[in-house]
Each structure stands twice: as C-alpha cells, then as structure tokens.
Amino acid sequence: ALDLGYTVSVITDGCRGVNIHPQDSANAFMDMAAAGATLYTLDDWLETQR
C-alpha cells in the first residue's frame, strides 16, 4: 500500500507475527515504520480520532 502512495497506519496490538525467528515480528514493525507506515497501539490511535 505504501508503494502505491497510500497512508498506512498499523495498530500493533492487533497484529501478531509467526516469528519463525525470535525477532521477526519486531523486525517487520521496524521495516514498516522505515517504509513510512505509522505504528500505533489501539489506545494511541483512538486518541487521534477524538
């Protein structure tokens, strides 16, 4: 979606990785953030909606 120009927000506590290797999920979040996605917890995202 980022490659297509969409704004991407990821609610991290609503995601869970498979973690074939111990840090796979953490690395995936870091990769998404580095690519331009905004990472939120649900509580933080809800605050942006008020």
PDB file of N, CA and C in Angstrom:
ATOM      1  N   ALA A   1       0.827  -1.191   0.000  1.00  0.00           N
ATOM      2  CA  ALA A   1       0.000   0.000   0.000  1.00  0.00           C
ATOM      3  C   ALA A   1       0.869   1.253   0.000  1.00  0.00           C
ATOM      4  N   LEU A   2       1.964   1.208   0.770  1.00  0.00           N
ATOM      5  CA  LEU A   2       2.869   2.360   0.793  1.00  0.00           C
ATOM      6  C   LEU A   2       3.457   2.612  -0.589  1.00  0.00           C
ATOM      7  N   ASP A   3       3.800   1.549  -1.285  1.00  0.00           N
ATOM      8  CA  ASP A   3       4.362   1.687  -2.631  1.00  0.00           C
ATOM      9  C   ASP A   3       3.375   2.313  -3.603  1.00  0.00           C
ATOM     10  N   LEU A   4       2.088   2.191  -3.318  1.00  0.00           N
ATOM     11  CA  LEU A   4       1.051   2.771  -4.172  1.00  0.00           C
ATOM     12  C   LEU A   4       0.653   4.167  -3.732  1.00  0.00           C
ATOM     13  N   GLY A   5       1.307   4.685  -2.677  1.00  0.00           N
ATOM     14  CA  GLY A   5       1.045   6.043  -2.230  1.00  0.00           C
ATOM     15  C   GLY A   5      -0.004   6.185  -1.150  1.00  0.00           C
ATOM     16  N   TYR A   6      -0.489   5.087  -0.622  1.00  0.00           N
ATOM     17  CA  TYR A   6      -1.476   5.151   0.450  1.00  0.00           C
ATOM     18  C   TYR A   6      -0.815   5.499   1.779  1.00  0.00           C
ATOM     19  N   THR A   7      -1.549   6.183   2.632  1.00  0.00           N
ATOM     20  CA  THR A   7      -1.129   6.389   4.006  1.00  0.00           C
ATOM     21  C   THR A   7      -1.461   5.116   4.767  1.00  0.00           C
ATOM     22  N   VAL A   8      -0.492   4.598   5.507  1.00  0.00           N
ATOM     23  CA  VAL A   8      -0.682   3.328   6.202  1.00  0.00           C
ATOM     24  C   VAL A   8      -0.490   3.523   7.696  1.00  0.00           C
ATOM     25  N   SER A   9      -1.492   3.110   8.459  1.00  0.00           N
ATOM     26  CA  SER A   9      -1.408   3.086   9.918  1.00  0.00           C
ATOM     27  C   SER A   9      -1.566   1.641  10.362  1.00  0.00           C
ATOM     28  N   VAL A  10      -0.686   1.207  11.255  1.00  0.00           N
ATOM     29  CA  VAL A  10      -0.716  -0.168  11.749  1.00  0.00           C
ATOM     30  C   VAL A  10      -1.015  -0.132  13.238  1.00  0.00           C
ATOM     31  N   ILE A  11      -2.081  -0.797  13.645  1.00  0.00           N
ATOM     32  CA  ILE A  11      -2.410  -0.913  15.067  1.00  0.00           C
ATOM     33  C   ILE A  11      -1.698  -2.167  15.562  1.00  0.00           C
ATOM     34  N   THR A  12      -0.573  -1.948  16.227  1.00  0.00           N
ATOM     35  CA  THR A  12       0.353  -3.038  16.528  1.00  0.00           C
ATOM     36  C   THR A  12      -0.211  -4.078  17.480  1.00  0.00           C
ATOM     37  N   ASP A  13      -1.060  -3.664  18.420  1.00  0.00           N
ATOM     38  CA  ASP A  13      -1.589  -4.668  19.341  1.00  0.00           C
ATOM     39  C   ASP A  13      -2.717  -5.477  18.712  1.00  0.00           C
ATOM     40  N   GLY A  14      -3.031  -5.198  17.455  1.00  0.00           N
ATOM     41  CA  GLY A  14      -3.984  -6.003  16.709  1.00  0.00           C
ATOM     42  C   GLY A  14      -3.289  -6.932  15.723  1.00  0.00           C
ATOM     43  N   CYS A  15      -1.970  -7.008  15.814  1.00  0.00           N
ATOM     44  CA  CYS A  15      -1.164  -7.831  14.903  1.00  0.00           C
ATOM     45  C   CYS A  15      -0.338  -8.828  15.699  1.00  0.00           C
ATOM     46  N   ARG A  16      -0.120  -9.968  15.100  1.00  0.00           N
ATOM     47  CA  ARG A  16       0.776 -10.946  15.712  1.00  0.00           C
ATOM     48  C   ARG A  16       1.476 -11.709  14.599  1.00  0.00           C
ATOM     49  N   GLY A  17       2.773 -11.790  14.695  1.00  0.00           N
ATOM     50  CA  GLY A  17       3.556 -12.477  13.679  1.00  0.00           C
ATOM     51  C   GLY A  17       3.751 -13.946  14.012  1.00  0.00           C
ATOM     52  N   VAL A  18       4.264 -14.673  13.039  1.00  0.00           N
ATOM     53  CA  VAL A  18       4.539 -16.094  13.209  1.00  0.00           C
ATOM     54  C   VAL A  18       5.842 -16.306  13.971  1.00  0.00           C
ATOM     55  N   ASN A  19       6.792 -15.388  13.796  1.00  0.00           N
ATOM     56  CA  ASN A  19       8.088 -15.447  14.482  1.00  0.00           C
ATOM     57  C   ASN A  19       8.826 -16.760  14.261  1.00  0.00           C
ATOM     58  N   ILE A  20       9.108 -17.057  13.011  1.00  0.00           N
ATOM     59  CA  ILE A  20       9.955 -18.210  12.711  1.00  0.00           C
ATOM     60  C   ILE A  20      11.307 -18.021  13.392  1.00  0.00           C
ATOM     61  N   HIS A  21      11.780 -16.790  13.370  1.00  0.00           N
ATOM     62  CA  HIS A  21      12.974 -16.401  14.124  1.00  0.00           C
ATOM     63  C   HIS A  21      12.509 -15.450  15.226  1.00  0.00           C
ATOM     64  N   PRO A  22      13.171 -15.424  16.381  1.00  0.00           N
ATOM     65  CA  PRO A  22      12.675 -14.699  17.560  1.00  0.00           C
ATOM     66  C   PRO A  22      12.286 -13.236  17.341  1.00  0.00           C
ATOM     67  N   GLN A  23      12.958 -12.514  16.485  1.00  0.00           N
ATOM     68  CA  GLN A  23      12.665 -11.088  16.320  1.00  0.00           C
ATOM     69  C   GLN A  23      11.903 -10.757  15.037  1.00  0.00           C
ATOM     70  N   ASP A  24      11.316 -11.736  14.375  1.00  0.00           N
ATOM     71  CA  ASP A  24      10.647 -11.489  13.101  1.00  0.00           C
ATOM     72  C   ASP A  24       9.557 -10.427  13.198  1.00  0.00           C
ATOM     73  N   SER A  25       8.711 -10.495  14.204  1.00  0.00           N
ATOM     74  CA  SER A  25       7.618  -9.519  14.325  1.00  0.00           C
ATOM     75  C   SER A  25       8.155  -8.121  14.581  1.00  0.00           C
ATOM     76  N   ALA A  26       9.093  -8.004  15.492  1.00  0.00           N
ATOM     77  CA  ALA A  26       9.684  -6.693  15.792  1.00  0.00           C
ATOM     78  C   ALA A  26      10.360  -6.123  14.549  1.00  0.00           C
ATOM     79  N   ASN A  27      11.062  -6.968  13.815  1.00  0.00           N
ATOM     80  CA  ASN A  27      11.719  -6.508  12.588  1.00  0.00           C
ATOM     81  C   ASN A  27      10.704  -6.078  11.541  1.00  0.00           C
ATOM     82  N   ALA A  28       9.590  -6.782  11.447  1.00  0.00           N
ATOM     83  CA  ALA A  28       8.549  -6.413  10.487  1.00  0.00           C
ATOM     84  C   ALA A  28       7.967  -5.046  10.824  1.00  0.00           C
ATOM     85  N   PHE A  29       7.712  -4.780  12.101  1.00  0.00           N
ATOM     86  CA  PHE A  29       7.219  -3.458  12.501  1.00  0.00           C
ATOM     87  C   PHE A  29       8.250  -2.381  12.175  1.00  0.00           C
ATOM     88  N   MET A  30       9.516  -2.654  12.441  1.00  0.00           N
ATOM     89  CA  MET A  30      10.569  -1.680  12.139  1.00  0.00           C
ATOM     90  C   MET A  30      10.658  -1.433  10.638  1.00  0.00           C
ATOM     91  N   ASP A  31      10.520  -2.477   9.832  1.00  0.00           N
ATOM     92  CA  ASP A  31      10.546  -2.322   8.377  1.00  0.00           C
ATOM     93  C   ASP A  31       9.370  -1.481   7.897  1.00  0.00           C
ATOM     94  N   MET A  32       8.179  -1.739   8.450  1.00  0.00           N
ATOM     95  CA  MET A  32       7.006  -0.953   8.056  1.00  0.00           C
ATOM     96  C   MET A  32       7.189   0.515   8.413  1.00  0.00           C
ATOM     97  N   ALA A  33       7.684   0.781   9.614  1.00  0.00           N
ATOM     98  CA  ALA A  33       7.905   2.165  10.040  1.00  0.00           C
ATOM     99  C   ALA A  33       8.958   2.836   9.161  1.00  0.00           C
ATOM    100  N   ALA A  34      10.022   2.128   8.841  1.00  0.00           N
ATOM    101  CA  ALA A  34      11.074   2.691   7.998  1.00  0.00           C
ATOM    102  C   ALA A  34      10.562   3.003   6.593  1.00  0.00           C
ATOM    103  N   ALA A  35       9.569   2.240   6.138  1.00  0.00           N
ATOM    104  CA  ALA A  35       8.996   2.457   4.812  1.00  0.00           C
ATOM    105  C   ALA A  35       7.970   3.581   4.803  1.00  0.00           C
ATOM    106  N   GLY A  36       7.573   4.061   5.998  1.00  0.00           N
ATOM    107  CA  GLY A  36       6.648   5.187   6.059  1.00  0.00           C
ATOM    108  C   GLY A  36       5.334   4.919   6.753  1.00  0.00           C
ATOM    109  N   ALA A  37       5.113   3.713   7.231  1.00  0.00           N
ATOM    110  CA  ALA A  37       3.877   3.422   7.969  1.00  0.00           C
ATOM    111  C   ALA A  37       3.958   4.058   9.356  1.00  0.00           C
ATOM    112  N   THR A  38       2.809   4.415   9.883  1.00  0.00           N
ATOM    113  CA  THR A  38       2.728   4.933  11.241  1.00  0.00           C
ATOM    114  C   THR A  38       2.231   3.810  12.137  1.00  0.00           C
ATOM    115  N   LEU A  39       2.972   3.543  13.213  1.00  0.00           N
ATOM    116  CA  LEU A  39       2.619   2.471  14.140  1.00  0.00           C
ATOM    117  C   LEU A  39       1.926   3.057  15.359  1.00  0.00           C
ATOM    118  N   TYR A  40       0.819   2.437  15.760  1.00  0.00           N
ATOM    119  CA  TYR A  40       0.043   2.875  16.914  1.00  0.00           C
ATOM    120  C   TYR A  40      -0.337   1.671  17.763  1.00  0.00           C
ATOM    121  N   THR A  41      -0.516   1.897  19.057  1.00  0.00           N
ATOM    122  CA  THR A  41      -1.308   0.966  19.856  1.00  0.00           C
ATOM    123  C   THR A  41      -2.754   1.375  19.621  1.00  0.00           C
ATOM    124  N   LEU A  42      -3.693   0.532  19.973  1.00  0.00           N
ATOM    125  CA  LEU A  42      -5.096   0.889  19.786  1.00  0.00           C
ATOM    126  C   LEU A  42      -5.446   2.136  20.580  1.00  0.00           C
ATOM    127  N   ASP A  43      -4.987   2.221  21.823  1.00  0.00           N
ATOM    128  CA  ASP A  43      -5.285   3.398  22.645  1.00  0.00           C
ATOM    129  C   ASP A  43      -4.729   4.671  22.021  1.00  0.00           C
ATOM    130  N   ASP A  44      -3.505   4.613  21.515  1.00  0.00           N
ATOM    131  CA  ASP A  44      -2.915   5.796  20.883  1.00  0.00           C
ATOM    132  C   ASP A  44      -3.680   6.189  19.630  1.00  0.00           C
ATOM    133  N   TRP A  45      -4.078   5.207  18.829  1.00  0.00           N
ATOM    134  CA  TRP A  45      -4.830   5.512  17.616  1.00  0.00           C
ATOM    135  C   TRP A  45      -6.184   6.129  17.961  1.00  0.00           C
ATOM    136  N   LEU A  46      -6.856   5.586  18.986  1.00  0.00           N
ATOM    137  CA  LEU A  46      -8.148   6.140  19.391  1.00  0.00           C
ATOM    138  C   LEU A  46      -8.017   7.599  19.797  1.00  0.00           C
ATOM    139  N   GLU A  47      -6.916   7.959  20.430  1.00  0.00           N
ATOM    140  CA  GLU A  47      -6.690   9.360  20.804  1.00  0.00           C
ATOM    141  C   GLU A  47      -6.627  10.262  19.578  1.00  0.00           C
ATOM    142  N   THR A  48      -6.137   9.751  18.457  1.00  0.00           N
ATOM    143  CA  THR A  48      -6.048  10.570  17.245  1.00  0.00           C
ATOM    144  C   THR A  48      -7.418  10.773  16.607  1.00  0.00           C
ATOM    145  N   GLN A  49      -8.403   9.994  17.014  1.00  0.00           N
ATOM    146  CA  GLN A  49      -9.738  10.053  16.417  1.00  0.00           C
ATOM    147  C   GLN A  49     -10.689  10.959  17.184  1.00  0.00           C
ATOM    148  N   ARG A  50     -10.218  11.532  18.272  1.00  0.00           N
ATOM    149  CA  ARG A  50     -11.104  12.391  19.083  1.00  0.00           C
ATOM    150  C   ARG A  50     -11.036  13.815  18.651  1.00  0.00           C
TER     151      ARG A  50
END
